[in-house]
């Protein structure tokens, strides 16, 4: 009886030990996979920044990542999937920057200004991410990007724009569709201003990005403040 109990205890202990070993192995493999994935994303970023999505190849990404092409496919099925992962991370960082800036302000007009300038500052400091995002902003779906990924990326972008839209609603832009239209108009200005700034055309015209952004947002706030509540929409 005692022997049977001891044998049973040893069996249970051995089973628990095996489970712990499997858990440790799985954790180690997951950590290695995350490390490999990060190296691939960093390598792909360098390739995309140099030649763009269309010019990139899985072979070039593998070389920049320090691995073989065959090692990429268990992590990402295509260069478009790698692009989508990079853009998702970029948009998540953008949302954090815009949200934190807007939430630090007590008044809705100040929150709108802060959010808009956080958007500009984020991309001004990361010009390569503007080029990365243009595929999404221009409505161009890269070949191989699934409908699900496309929808996810658009949802991530809308999370940042939603912060600006909420500030507009707090300012009284509550007519159906008006807040969304105002947000779209502001977004179009911000993107256009960034692209023209990065192309050096603002400097050629003797203008400064902050100056024209300040003038645009000032005009927006003034226009909205003089319209009756519920009738505030883009001019």
Protein backbone atom coordinates (compact mmCIF):
# COMPACT_ATOMS: atom_id res chain seq x y z
CA UNK A 1 0.00 0.00 0.00
CA UNK A 2 2.78 2.39 0.99
CA UNK A 3 4.76 1.43 -2.07
CA UNK A 4 1.75 2.02 -4.31
CA UNK A 5 1.20 5.45 -2.79
CA UNK A 6 4.86 6.36 -3.24
CA UNK A 7 4.80 5.17 -6.83
CA UNK A 8 1.71 7.25 -7.47
CA UNK A 9 3.31 10.29 -5.91
CA UNK A 10 6.42 9.85 -8.02
CA UNK A 11 4.30 9.55 -11.14
CA UNK A 12 2.43 12.76 -10.32
CA UNK A 13 5.68 14.55 -9.53
CA UNK A 14 7.17 13.36 -12.79
CA UNK A 15 4.11 14.51 -14.73
CA UNK A 16 4.29 17.93 -13.11
CA UNK A 17 7.98 18.15 -13.90
CA UNK A 18 7.35 17.29 -17.53
CA UNK A 19 4.63 19.91 -17.74
CA UNK A 20 6.97 22.52 -16.27
CA UNK A 21 9.65 21.57 -18.78
CA UNK A 22 7.18 21.85 -21.65
CA UNK A 23 5.98 25.24 -20.39
CA UNK A 24 9.56 26.50 -20.12
CA UNK A 25 10.36 25.20 -23.60
CA UNK A 26 7.26 26.81 -25.07
CA UNK A 27 8.09 30.12 -23.38
CA UNK A 28 11.65 29.97 -24.70
CA UNK A 29 10.46 29.20 -28.23
CA UNK A 30 7.94 32.05 -28.10
CA UNK A 31 10.67 34.44 -26.97
CA UNK A 32 12.94 33.29 -29.81
CA UNK A 33 10.11 33.69 -32.29
CA UNK A 34 9.43 37.23 -31.05
CA UNK A 35 13.13 38.06 -31.38
CA UNK A 36 13.27 36.70 -34.93
CA UNK A 37 10.10 38.58 -35.81
CA UNK A 38 11.54 41.84 -34.47
CA UNK A 39 14.76 41.35 -36.46
CA UNK A 40 12.71 40.78 -39.62
CA UNK A 41 10.63 43.90 -39.03
CA UNK A 42 13.74 45.99 -38.43
CA UNK A 43 15.38 44.62 -41.57
CA UNK A 44 12.23 45.13 -43.61
CA UNK A 45 11.98 48.71 -42.40
CA UNK A 46 15.42 49.46 -43.82
CA UNK A 47 14.48 47.86 -47.14
CA UNK A 48 11.13 49.66 -47.41
CA UNK A 49 12.77 52.98 -46.52
CA UNK A 50 15.32 52.47 -49.28
CA UNK A 51 13.27 51.04 -52.16
CA UNK A 52 9.61 51.22 -51.09
CA UNK A 53 7.08 48.41 -50.92
CA UNK A 54 7.02 47.80 -54.66
CA UNK A 55 10.81 47.55 -54.88
CA UNK A 56 11.18 45.30 -51.85
CA UNK A 57 11.58 41.53 -52.11
CA UNK A 58 11.51 38.79 -49.52
CA UNK A 59 15.11 37.97 -50.46
CA UNK A 60 16.22 41.55 -49.77
CA UNK A 61 14.32 41.58 -46.49
CA UNK A 62 15.92 38.29 -45.45
CA UNK A 63 19.39 39.64 -46.24
CA UNK A 64 18.73 42.81 -44.24
CA UNK A 65 17.42 40.69 -41.36
CA UNK A 66 20.41 38.33 -41.33
CA UNK A 67 18.44 35.19 -42.14
CA UNK A 68 17.50 32.99 -45.07
CA UNK A 69 14.44 33.58 -47.20
CA UNK A 70 12.99 30.30 -46.03
CA UNK A 71 13.18 31.47 -42.43
CA UNK A 72 10.87 34.40 -43.20
CA UNK A 73 7.82 32.47 -44.30
CA UNK A 74 6.96 30.82 -40.96
CA UNK A 75 6.81 34.38 -39.57
CA UNK A 76 5.27 36.31 -42.47
CA UNK A 77 3.67 34.88 -45.63
CA UNK A 78 4.59 37.87 -47.80
CA UNK A 79 6.25 41.28 -47.91
CA UNK A 80 2.77 42.81 -47.74
CA UNK A 81 2.16 41.05 -44.43
CA UNK A 82 5.44 42.48 -43.11
CA UNK A 83 4.41 45.92 -44.35
CA UNK A 84 1.05 45.59 -42.60
CA UNK A 85 2.75 44.66 -39.31
CA UNK A 86 5.08 47.66 -39.54
CA UNK A 87 2.25 50.04 -40.39
CA UNK A 88 0.10 48.67 -37.55
CA UNK A 89 2.90 49.43 -35.09
CA UNK A 90 3.35 52.90 -36.55
CA UNK A 91 -0.35 53.70 -36.29
CA UNK A 92 -0.47 52.41 -32.71
CA UNK A 93 2.34 54.80 -31.76
CA UNK A 94 0.55 57.63 -33.55
CA UNK A 95 -2.65 56.96 -31.62
CA UNK A 96 -0.76 57.07 -28.32
CA UNK A 97 0.89 60.39 -29.22
CA UNK A 98 -2.35 62.05 -30.35
CA UNK A 99 -4.39 60.69 -27.44
CA UNK A 100 -1.92 61.73 -24.75
CA UNK A 101 -1.57 65.23 -26.20
CA UNK A 102 -5.33 65.80 -26.44
CA UNK A 103 -6.12 64.38 -23.01
CA UNK A 104 -3.63 66.75 -21.38
CA UNK A 105 -5.89 69.69 -22.31
CA UNK A 106 -9.01 70.70 -20.41
CA UNK A 107 -10.77 72.67 -23.15
CA UNK A 108 -11.95 70.99 -26.39
CA UNK A 109 -10.42 73.62 -28.68
CA UNK A 110 -7.07 73.23 -26.90
CA UNK A 111 -7.41 69.45 -27.18
CA UNK A 112 -8.03 69.78 -30.91
CA UNK A 113 -4.95 71.96 -31.34
CA UNK A 114 -2.80 69.64 -29.24
CA UNK A 115 -4.00 66.54 -31.09
CA UNK A 116 -3.44 68.09 -34.50
CA UNK A 117 0.08 69.23 -33.63
CA UNK A 118 0.89 65.87 -32.04
CA UNK A 119 -0.06 64.30 -35.37
CA UNK A 120 2.28 66.68 -37.21
CA UNK A 121 5.11 66.29 -34.70
CA UNK A 122 4.90 62.51 -34.78
CA UNK A 123 5.40 62.30 -38.53
CA UNK A 124 7.79 65.24 -38.73
CA UNK A 125 10.13 63.25 -36.47
CA UNK A 126 9.58 60.07 -38.52
CA UNK A 127 9.53 61.02 -42.22
CA UNK A 128 9.93 57.40 -43.34
CA UNK A 129 6.63 56.55 -41.67
CA UNK A 130 4.83 59.11 -43.82
CA UNK A 131 5.91 57.22 -46.94
CA UNK A 132 4.94 53.94 -45.28
CA UNK A 133 1.48 55.25 -44.49
CA UNK A 134 0.76 56.76 -47.89
CA UNK A 135 -0.39 53.39 -49.18
CA UNK A 136 -3.17 53.46 -46.62
CA UNK A 137 -3.90 57.19 -46.81
CA UNK A 138 -4.19 57.18 -50.60
CA UNK A 139 -6.57 54.26 -50.51
CA UNK A 140 -4.13 52.00 -52.36
CA UNK A 141 -4.33 48.41 -51.22
CA UNK A 142 -0.96 46.73 -51.75
CA UNK A 143 -1.13 43.44 -53.62
CA UNK A 144 -1.53 40.57 -51.21
CA UNK A 145 -2.91 42.65 -48.33
CA UNK A 146 -6.06 40.87 -47.23
CA UNK A 147 -9.37 42.61 -46.69
CA UNK A 148 -9.06 41.82 -43.00
CA UNK A 149 -5.63 43.44 -42.70
CA UNK A 150 -6.78 46.42 -44.75
CA UNK A 151 -9.76 46.88 -42.41
CA UNK A 152 -7.55 46.52 -39.33
CA UNK A 153 -5.11 49.17 -40.55
CA UNK A 154 -7.92 51.58 -41.39
CA UNK A 155 -9.40 51.00 -37.94
CA UNK A 156 -6.05 51.85 -36.36
CA UNK A 157 -5.86 55.08 -38.33
CA UNK A 158 -9.44 55.94 -37.39
CA UNK A 159 -8.53 55.49 -33.71
CA UNK A 160 -6.14 58.45 -34.00
CA UNK A 161 -8.56 60.51 -36.07
CA UNK A 162 -11.30 59.64 -33.60
CA UNK A 163 -9.45 61.66 -30.96
CA UNK A 164 -9.69 64.75 -33.18
CA UNK A 165 -13.31 63.99 -33.98
CA UNK A 166 -14.16 63.74 -30.29
CA UNK A 167 -12.65 67.19 -29.70
CA UNK A 168 -14.73 68.58 -32.55
CA UNK A 169 -17.87 67.07 -31.09
CA UNK A 170 -17.01 68.58 -27.70
CA UNK A 171 -16.75 71.92 -29.49
CA UNK A 172 -20.35 71.54 -30.64
CA UNK A 173 -19.98 69.94 -34.06
CA UNK A 174 -22.89 67.59 -33.53
CA UNK A 175 -24.88 67.73 -36.76
CA UNK A 176 -25.05 64.27 -38.39
CA UNK A 177 -21.92 63.71 -40.42
CA UNK A 178 -20.45 67.13 -39.72
CA UNK A 179 -17.85 66.04 -37.17
CA UNK A 180 -16.65 63.27 -39.45
CA UNK A 181 -16.46 65.68 -42.41
CA UNK A 182 -14.53 68.23 -40.34
CA UNK A 183 -12.14 65.47 -39.23
CA UNK A 184 -11.60 64.34 -42.81
CA UNK A 185 -10.88 67.92 -43.90
CA UNK A 186 -8.38 68.43 -41.07
CA UNK A 187 -6.71 65.09 -41.81
CA UNK A 188 -6.38 65.99 -45.50
CA UNK A 189 -4.71 69.27 -44.57
CA UNK A 190 -2.30 67.63 -42.12
CA UNK A 191 -1.21 64.96 -44.60
CA UNK A 192 -0.88 67.45 -47.43
CA UNK A 193 1.13 69.84 -45.26
CA UNK A 194 3.47 67.04 -44.18
CA UNK A 195 4.11 65.87 -47.74
CA UNK A 196 4.73 69.39 -49.04
CA UNK A 197 6.99 70.09 -46.05
CA UNK A 198 9.02 66.93 -46.61
CA UNK A 199 9.35 67.73 -50.31
CA UNK A 200 10.89 71.09 -49.37
CA UNK A 201 8.18 73.06 -51.14
CA UNK A 202 7.10 75.03 -48.07
CA UNK A 203 10.63 76.33 -47.68
CA UNK A 204 10.66 77.25 -51.36
CA UNK A 205 7.49 79.30 -50.77
CA UNK A 206 8.98 80.94 -47.70
CA UNK A 207 6.52 79.19 -45.38
CA UNK A 208 6.93 77.19 -42.20
CA UNK A 209 4.98 74.02 -41.33
CA UNK A 210 4.11 75.20 -37.84
CA UNK A 211 2.98 78.60 -39.11
CA UNK A 212 0.57 77.28 -41.73
CA UNK A 213 -0.71 74.59 -39.35
CA UNK A 214 -1.34 77.19 -36.66
CA UNK A 215 -3.15 79.43 -39.14
CA UNK A 216 -5.28 76.54 -40.40
CA UNK A 217 -6.30 75.32 -36.95
CA UNK A 218 -6.93 78.89 -35.75
CA UNK A 219 -9.23 79.46 -38.72
CA UNK A 220 -11.01 76.17 -38.06
CA UNK A 221 -11.60 76.96 -34.40
CA UNK A 222 -12.78 80.50 -35.20
CA UNK A 223 -15.15 79.29 -37.92
CA UNK A 224 -16.68 76.66 -35.65
CA UNK A 225 -17.05 79.06 -32.74
CA UNK A 226 -19.09 81.52 -34.84
CA UNK A 227 -21.53 78.93 -36.23
CA UNK A 228 -24.73 77.94 -34.42
CA UNK A 229 -24.48 74.60 -32.68
CA UNK A 230 -25.63 71.78 -34.95
CA UNK A 231 -24.76 73.70 -38.13
CA UNK A 232 -21.00 73.35 -37.98
CA UNK A 233 -19.62 71.65 -41.04
CA UNK A 234 -16.78 72.31 -43.50
CA UNK A 235 -17.16 75.53 -45.49
